Amino acid sequence: MAYDPGAIEATLAAAVGDEPALIAELREAFLDGARRCVAAMAVAEDPESWRTAALRLKGLAASFGAIR
């Protein structure tokens, strides 16, 4: 997966319009969620736990338009 800030910015702008404060808040929520998923992957004790965290990250990314 590649981080594409342009896709995320476009998705956020489409969702909330020209609201810079709200876009910044949603961007931070995305980054916080991504950090939690990566941390869960780092401490996963078995393949299934790692897979679950990876799928959550994939879903989070897709919900923000980061699908590459």
PDB file of N, CA and C in Angstrom:
ATOM      1  N   MET A   1       0.849  -1.169   0.000  1.00  0.00           N
ATOM      2  CA  MET A   1       0.000   0.000   0.000  1.00  0.00           C
ATOM      3  C   MET A   1       0.891   1.228   0.000  1.00  0.00           C
ATOM      4  N   ALA A   2       0.526   2.182  -0.790  1.00  0.00           N
ATOM      5  CA  ALA A   2       1.274   3.432  -0.867  1.00  0.00           C
ATOM      6  C   ALA A   2       0.434   4.546  -0.258  1.00  0.00           C
ATOM      7  N   TYR A   3       1.080   5.416   0.473  1.00  0.00           N
ATOM      8  CA  TYR A   3       0.399   6.567   1.039  1.00  0.00           C
ATOM      9  C   TYR A   3       0.268   7.623  -0.038  1.00  0.00           C
ATOM     10  N   ASP A   4      -0.931   7.980  -0.374  1.00  0.00           N
ATOM     11  CA  ASP A   4      -1.189   8.979  -1.409  1.00  0.00           C
ATOM     12  C   ASP A   4      -1.974  10.122  -0.781  1.00  0.00           C
ATOM     13  N   PRO A   5      -1.281  11.156  -0.309  1.00  0.00           N
ATOM     14  CA  PRO A   5      -1.987  12.251   0.352  1.00  0.00           C
ATOM     15  C   PRO A   5      -2.993  12.953  -0.547  1.00  0.00           C
ATOM     16  N   GLY A   6      -2.757  12.939  -1.865  1.00  0.00           N
ATOM     17  CA  GLY A   6      -3.698  13.570  -2.779  1.00  0.00           C
ATOM     18  C   GLY A   6      -5.051  12.889  -2.767  1.00  0.00           C
ATOM     19  N   ALA A   7      -5.050  11.558  -2.749  1.00  0.00           N
ATOM     20  CA  ALA A   7      -6.309  10.813  -2.718  1.00  0.00           C
ATOM     21  C   ALA A   7      -7.049  11.050  -1.408  1.00  0.00           C
ATOM     22  N   ILE A   8      -6.311  11.067  -0.323  1.00  0.00           N
ATOM     23  CA  ILE A   8      -6.938  11.281   0.982  1.00  0.00           C
ATOM     24  C   ILE A   8      -7.517  12.695   1.055  1.00  0.00           C
ATOM     25  N   GLU A   9      -6.746  13.684   0.603  1.00  0.00           N
ATOM     26  CA  GLU A   9      -7.236  15.064   0.614  1.00  0.00           C
ATOM     27  C   GLU A   9      -8.486  15.213  -0.251  1.00  0.00           C
ATOM     28  N   ALA A  10      -8.493  14.589  -1.413  1.00  0.00           N
ATOM     29  CA  ALA A  10      -9.651  14.681  -2.315  1.00  0.00           C
ATOM     30  C   ALA A  10     -10.873  14.034  -1.681  1.00  0.00           C
ATOM     31  N   THR A  11     -10.685  12.888  -1.041  1.00  0.00           N
ATOM     32  CA  THR A  11     -11.802  12.206  -0.383  1.00  0.00           C
ATOM     33  C   THR A  11     -12.353  13.049   0.751  1.00  0.00           C
ATOM     34  N   LEU A  12     -11.466  13.627   1.553  1.00  0.00           N
ATOM     35  CA  LEU A  12     -11.919  14.460   2.670  1.00  0.00           C
ATOM     36  C   LEU A  12     -12.643  15.709   2.161  1.00  0.00           C
ATOM     37  N   ALA A  13     -12.106  16.343   1.143  1.00  0.00           N
ATOM     38  CA  ALA A  13     -12.748  17.545   0.596  1.00  0.00           C
ATOM     39  C   ALA A  13     -14.118  17.214   0.021  1.00  0.00           C
ATOM     40  N   ALA A  14     -14.230  16.057  -0.627  1.00  0.00           N
ATOM     41  CA  ALA A  14     -15.522  15.648  -1.181  1.00  0.00           C
ATOM     42  C   ALA A  14     -16.528  15.370  -0.073  1.00  0.00           C
ATOM     43  N   ALA A  15     -16.044  14.876   1.045  1.00  0.00           N
ATOM     44  CA  ALA A  15     -16.940  14.520   2.149  1.00  0.00           C
ATOM     45  C   ALA A  15     -17.407  15.741   2.936  1.00  0.00           C
ATOM     46  N   VAL A  16     -16.524  16.695   3.160  1.00  0.00           N
ATOM     47  CA  VAL A  16     -16.870  17.805   4.049  1.00  0.00           C
ATOM     48  C   VAL A  16     -16.790  19.171   3.396  1.00  0.00           C
ATOM     49  N   GLY A  17     -16.373  19.237   2.146  1.00  0.00           N
ATOM     50  CA  GLY A  17     -16.280  20.528   1.470  1.00  0.00           C
ATOM     51  C   GLY A  17     -15.062  21.307   1.918  1.00  0.00           C
ATOM     52  N   ASP A  18     -15.184  22.607   1.869  1.00  0.00           N
ATOM     53  CA  ASP A  18     -14.070  23.495   2.195  1.00  0.00           C
ATOM     54  C   ASP A  18     -14.097  23.855   3.673  1.00  0.00           C
ATOM     55  N   GLU A  19     -13.762  22.889   4.489  1.00  0.00           N
ATOM     56  CA  GLU A  19     -13.722  23.069   5.941  1.00  0.00           C
ATOM     57  C   GLU A  19     -12.340  22.632   6.432  1.00  0.00           C
ATOM     58  N   PRO A  20     -11.337  23.498   6.345  1.00  0.00           N
ATOM     59  CA  PRO A  20      -9.968  23.104   6.672  1.00  0.00           C
ATOM     60  C   PRO A  20      -9.802  22.492   8.067  1.00  0.00           C
ATOM     61  N   ALA A  21     -10.494  23.019   9.052  1.00  0.00           N
ATOM     62  CA  ALA A  21     -10.363  22.488  10.411  1.00  0.00           C
ATOM     63  C   ALA A  21     -10.903  21.060  10.493  1.00  0.00           C
ATOM     64  N   LEU A  22     -12.027  20.819   9.852  1.00  0.00           N
ATOM     65  CA  LEU A  22     -12.616  19.481   9.864  1.00  0.00           C
ATOM     66  C   LEU A  22     -11.753  18.509   9.061  1.00  0.00           C
ATOM     67  N   ILE A  23     -11.224  18.967   7.931  1.00  0.00           N
ATOM     68  CA  ILE A  23     -10.334  18.118   7.135  1.00  0.00           C
ATOM     69  C   ILE A  23      -9.108  17.740   7.959  1.00  0.00           C
ATOM     70  N   ALA A  24      -8.538  18.703   8.665  1.00  0.00           N
ATOM     71  CA  ALA A  24      -7.361  18.419   9.504  1.00  0.00           C
ATOM     72  C   ALA A  24      -7.702  17.423  10.606  1.00  0.00           C
ATOM     73  N   GLU A  25      -8.870  17.561  11.199  1.00  0.00           N
ATOM     74  CA  GLU A  25      -9.294  16.637  12.257  1.00  0.00           C
ATOM     75  C   GLU A  25      -9.484  15.223  11.703  1.00  0.00           C
ATOM     76  N   LEU A  26     -10.114  15.115  10.552  1.00  0.00           N
ATOM     77  CA  LEU A  26     -10.320  13.801   9.945  1.00  0.00           C
ATOM     78  C   LEU A  26      -9.000  13.179   9.491  1.00  0.00           C
ATOM     79  N   ARG A  27      -8.082  14.009   8.975  1.00  0.00           N
ATOM     80  CA  ARG A  27      -6.767  13.508   8.582  1.00  0.00           C
ATOM     81  C   ARG A  27      -6.036  12.940   9.802  1.00  0.00           C
ATOM     82  N   GLU A  28      -6.116  13.648  10.921  1.00  0.00           N
ATOM     83  CA  GLU A  28      -5.461  13.172  12.150  1.00  0.00           C
ATOM     84  C   GLU A  28      -6.112  11.880  12.645  1.00  0.00           C
ATOM     85  N   ALA A  29      -7.433  11.776  12.507  1.00  0.00           N
ATOM     86  CA  ALA A  29      -8.117  10.536  12.892  1.00  0.00           C
ATOM     87  C   ALA A  29      -7.638   9.374  12.027  1.00  0.00           C
ATOM     88  N   PHE A  30      -7.464   9.630  10.719  1.00  0.00           N
ATOM     89  CA  PHE A  30      -6.946   8.598   9.832  1.00  0.00           C
ATOM     90  C   PHE A  30      -5.549   8.165  10.259  1.00  0.00           C
ATOM     91  N   LEU A  31      -4.679   9.124  10.490  1.00  0.00           N
ATOM     92  CA  LEU A  31      -3.303   8.796  10.881  1.00  0.00           C
ATOM     93  C   LEU A  31      -3.252   8.064  12.217  1.00  0.00           C
ATOM     94  N   ASP A  32      -4.095   8.468  13.156  1.00  0.00           N
ATOM     95  CA  ASP A  32      -4.150   7.789  14.450  1.00  0.00           C
ATOM     96  C   ASP A  32      -4.592   6.338  14.272  1.00  0.00           C
ATOM     97  N   GLY A  33      -5.616   6.127  13.471  1.00  0.00           N
ATOM     98  CA  GLY A  33      -6.085   4.773  13.208  1.00  0.00           C
ATOM     99  C   GLY A  33      -5.025   3.927  12.509  1.00  0.00           C
ATOM    100  N   ALA A  34      -4.336   4.534  11.547  1.00  0.00           N
ATOM    101  CA  ALA A  34      -3.274   3.808  10.836  1.00  0.00           C
ATOM    102  C   ALA A  34      -2.151   3.429  11.789  1.00  0.00           C
ATOM    103  N   ARG A  35      -1.769   4.346  12.673  1.00  0.00           N
ATOM    104  CA  ARG A  35      -0.722   4.042  13.661  1.00  0.00           C
ATOM    105  C   ARG A  35      -1.139   2.883  14.567  1.00  0.00           C
ATOM    106  N   ARG A  36      -2.402   2.886  14.990  1.00  0.00           N
ATOM    107  CA  ARG A  36      -2.875   1.798  15.858  1.00  0.00           C
ATOM    108  C   ARG A  36      -2.851   0.455  15.133  1.00  0.00           C
ATOM    109  N   CYS A  37      -3.234   0.450  13.866  1.00  0.00           N
ATOM    110  CA  CYS A  37      -3.209  -0.789  13.088  1.00  0.00           C
ATOM    111  C   CYS A  37      -1.782  -1.303  12.915  1.00  0.00           C
ATOM    112  N   VAL A  38      -0.870  -0.409  12.592  1.00  0.00           N
ATOM    113  CA  VAL A  38       0.533  -0.808  12.416  1.00  0.00           C
ATOM    114  C   VAL A  38       1.101  -1.320  13.737  1.00  0.00           C
ATOM    115  N   ALA A  39       0.761  -0.661  14.845  1.00  0.00           N
ATOM    116  CA  ALA A  39       1.228  -1.118  16.150  1.00  0.00           C
ATOM    117  C   ALA A  39       0.675  -2.505  16.469  1.00  0.00           C
ATOM    118  N   ALA A  40      -0.586  -2.742  16.134  1.00  0.00           N
ATOM    119  CA  ALA A  40      -1.177  -4.061  16.374  1.00  0.00           C
ATOM    120  C   ALA A  40      -0.485  -5.123  15.526  1.00  0.00           C
ATOM    121  N   MET A  41      -0.110  -4.765  14.309  1.00  0.00           N
ATOM    122  CA  MET A  41       0.616  -5.709  13.461  1.00  0.00           C
ATOM    123  C   MET A  41       1.987  -6.014  14.064  1.00  0.00           C
ATOM    124  N   ALA A  42       2.630  -4.990  14.618  1.00  0.00           N
ATOM    125  CA  ALA A  42       3.978  -5.156  15.176  1.00  0.00           C
ATOM    126  C   ALA A  42       3.999  -6.082  16.384  1.00  0.00           C
ATOM    127  N   VAL A  43       2.920  -6.096  17.156  1.00  0.00           N
ATOM    128  CA  VAL A  43       2.903  -6.920  18.364  1.00  0.00           C
ATOM    129  C   VAL A  43       2.081  -8.197  18.216  1.00  0.00           C
ATOM    130  N   ALA A  44       1.576  -8.442  17.020  1.00  0.00           N
ATOM    131  CA  ALA A  44       0.759  -9.644  16.790  1.00  0.00           C
ATOM    132  C   ALA A  44       1.566 -10.891  17.136  1.00  0.00           C
ATOM    133  N   GLU A  45       0.927 -11.782  17.857  1.00  0.00           N
ATOM    134  CA  GLU A  45       1.612 -12.992  18.304  1.00  0.00           C
ATOM    135  C   GLU A  45       1.348 -14.200  17.417  1.00  0.00           C
ATOM    136  N   ASP A  46       0.457 -14.024  16.454  1.00  0.00           N
ATOM    137  CA  ASP A  46       0.168 -15.128  15.541  1.00  0.00           C
ATOM    138  C   ASP A  46      -0.286 -14.557  14.199  1.00  0.00           C
ATOM    139  N   PRO A  47      -0.238 -15.375  13.171  1.00  0.00           N
ATOM    140  CA  PRO A  47      -0.593 -14.876  11.841  1.00  0.00           C
ATOM    141  C   PRO A  47      -2.011 -14.310  11.752  1.00  0.00           C
ATOM    142  N   GLU A  48      -2.951 -14.903  12.449  1.00  0.00           N
ATOM    143  CA  GLU A  48      -4.331 -14.430  12.376  1.00  0.00           C
ATOM    144  C   GLU A  48      -4.483 -13.038  12.980  1.00  0.00           C
ATOM    145  N   SER A  49      -3.801 -12.774  14.076  1.00  0.00           N
ATOM    146  CA  SER A  49      -3.850 -11.443  14.683  1.00  0.00           C
ATOM    147  C   SER A  49      -3.234 -10.408  13.746  1.00  0.00           C
ATOM    148  N   TRP A  50      -2.122 -10.781  13.097  1.00  0.00           N
ATOM    149  CA  TRP A  50      -1.479  -9.879  12.151  1.00  0.00           C
ATOM    150  C   TRP A  50      -2.409  -9.610  10.976  1.00  0.00           C
ATOM    151  N   ARG A  51      -3.031 -10.667  10.474  1.00  0.00           N
ATOM    152  CA  ARG A  51      -3.943 -10.534   9.336  1.00  0.00           C
ATOM    153  C   ARG A  51      -5.129  -9.643   9.683  1.00  0.00           C
ATOM    154  N   THR A  52      -5.678  -9.801  10.860  1.00  0.00           N
ATOM    155  CA  THR A  52      -6.809  -8.980  11.291  1.00  0.00           C
ATOM    156  C   THR A  52      -6.424  -7.511  11.326  1.00  0.00           C
ATOM    157  N   ALA A  53      -5.255  -7.211  11.892  1.00  0.00           N
ATOM    158  CA  ALA A  53      -4.800  -5.823  11.951  1.00  0.00           C
ATOM    159  C   ALA A  53      -4.529  -5.279  10.549  1.00  0.00           C
ATOM    160  N   ALA A  54      -3.958  -6.100   9.683  1.00  0.00           N
ATOM    161  CA  ALA A  54      -3.680  -5.671   8.311  1.00  0.00           C
ATOM    162  C   ALA A  54      -4.974  -5.381   7.553  1.00  0.00           C
ATOM    163  N   LEU A  55      -5.983  -6.210   7.758  1.00  0.00           N
ATOM    164  CA  LEU A  55      -7.272  -5.980   7.084  1.00  0.00           C
ATOM    165  C   LEU A  55      -7.954  -4.723   7.614  1.00  0.00           C
ATOM    166  N   ARG A  56      -7.788  -4.449   8.902  1.00  0.00           N
ATOM    167  CA  ARG A  56      -8.342  -3.199   9.445  1.00  0.00           C
ATOM    168  C   ARG A  56      -7.654  -1.994   8.814  1.00  0.00           C
ATOM    169  N   LEU A  57      -6.343  -2.085   8.652  1.00  0.00           N
ATOM    170  CA  LEU A  57      -5.603  -1.003   8.014  1.00  0.00           C
ATOM    171  C   LEU A  57      -6.060  -0.837   6.567  1.00  0.00           C
ATOM    172  N   LYS A  58      -6.238  -1.935   5.881  1.00  0.00           N
ATOM    173  CA  LYS A  58      -6.705  -1.891   4.490  1.00  0.00           C
ATOM    174  C   LYS A  58      -8.080  -1.232   4.411  1.00  0.00           C
ATOM    175  N   GLY A  59      -8.988  -1.600   5.311  1.00  0.00           N
ATOM    176  CA  GLY A  59     -10.325  -1.010   5.338  1.00  0.00           C
ATOM    177  C   GLY A  59     -10.294   0.464   5.669  1.00  0.00           C
ATOM    178  N   LEU A  60      -9.452   0.837   6.620  1.00  0.00           N
ATOM    179  CA  LEU A  60      -9.303   2.240   6.976  1.00  0.00           C
ATOM    180  C   LEU A  60      -8.808   3.043   5.780  1.00  0.00           C
ATOM    181  N   ALA A  61      -7.788   2.517   5.127  1.00  0.00           N
ATOM    182  CA  ALA A  61      -7.234   3.195   3.956  1.00  0.00           C
ATOM    183  C   ALA A  61      -8.284   3.335   2.866  1.00  0.00           C
ATOM    184  N   ALA A  62      -9.036   2.286   2.617  1.00  0.00           N
ATOM    185  CA  ALA A  62     -10.067   2.341   1.581  1.00  0.00           C
ATOM    186  C   ALA A  62     -11.143   3.362   1.914  1.00  0.00           C
ATOM    187  N   SER A  63     -11.487   3.472   3.185  1.00  0.00           N
ATOM    188  CA  SER A  63     -12.525   4.428   3.565  1.00  0.00           C
ATOM    189  C   SER A  63     -12.079   5.874   3.372  1.00  0.00           C
ATOM    190  N   PHE A  64     -10.756   6.089   3.294  1.00  0.00           N
ATOM    191  CA  PHE A  64     -10.231   7.433   3.053  1.00  0.00           C
ATOM    192  C   PHE A  64      -9.730   7.589   1.608  1.00  0.00           C
ATOM    193  N   GLY A  65     -10.022   6.634   0.766  1.00  0.00           N
ATOM    194  CA  GLY A  65      -9.666   6.754  -0.638  1.00  0.00           C
ATOM    195  C   GLY A  65      -8.229   6.383  -0.968  1.00  0.00           C
ATOM    196  N   ALA A  66      -7.492   5.834  -0.009  1.00  0.00           N
ATOM    197  CA  ALA A  66      -6.097   5.429  -0.239  1.00  0.00           C
ATOM    198  C   ALA A  66      -6.100   3.956  -0.623  1.00  0.00           C
ATOM    199  N   ILE A  67      -6.384   3.672  -1.884  1.00  0.00           N
ATOM    200  CA  ILE A  67      -6.573   2.278  -2.293  1.00  0.00           C
ATOM    201  C   ILE A  67      -5.407   1.687  -3.048  1.00  0.00           C
ATOM    202  N   ARG A  68      -4.395   2.491  -3.386  1.00  0.00           N
ATOM    203  CA  ARG A  68      -3.231   1.965  -4.087  1.00  0.00           C
ATOM    204  C   ARG A  68      -2.373   1.118  -3.195  1.00  0.00           C
TER     205      ARG A  68
END
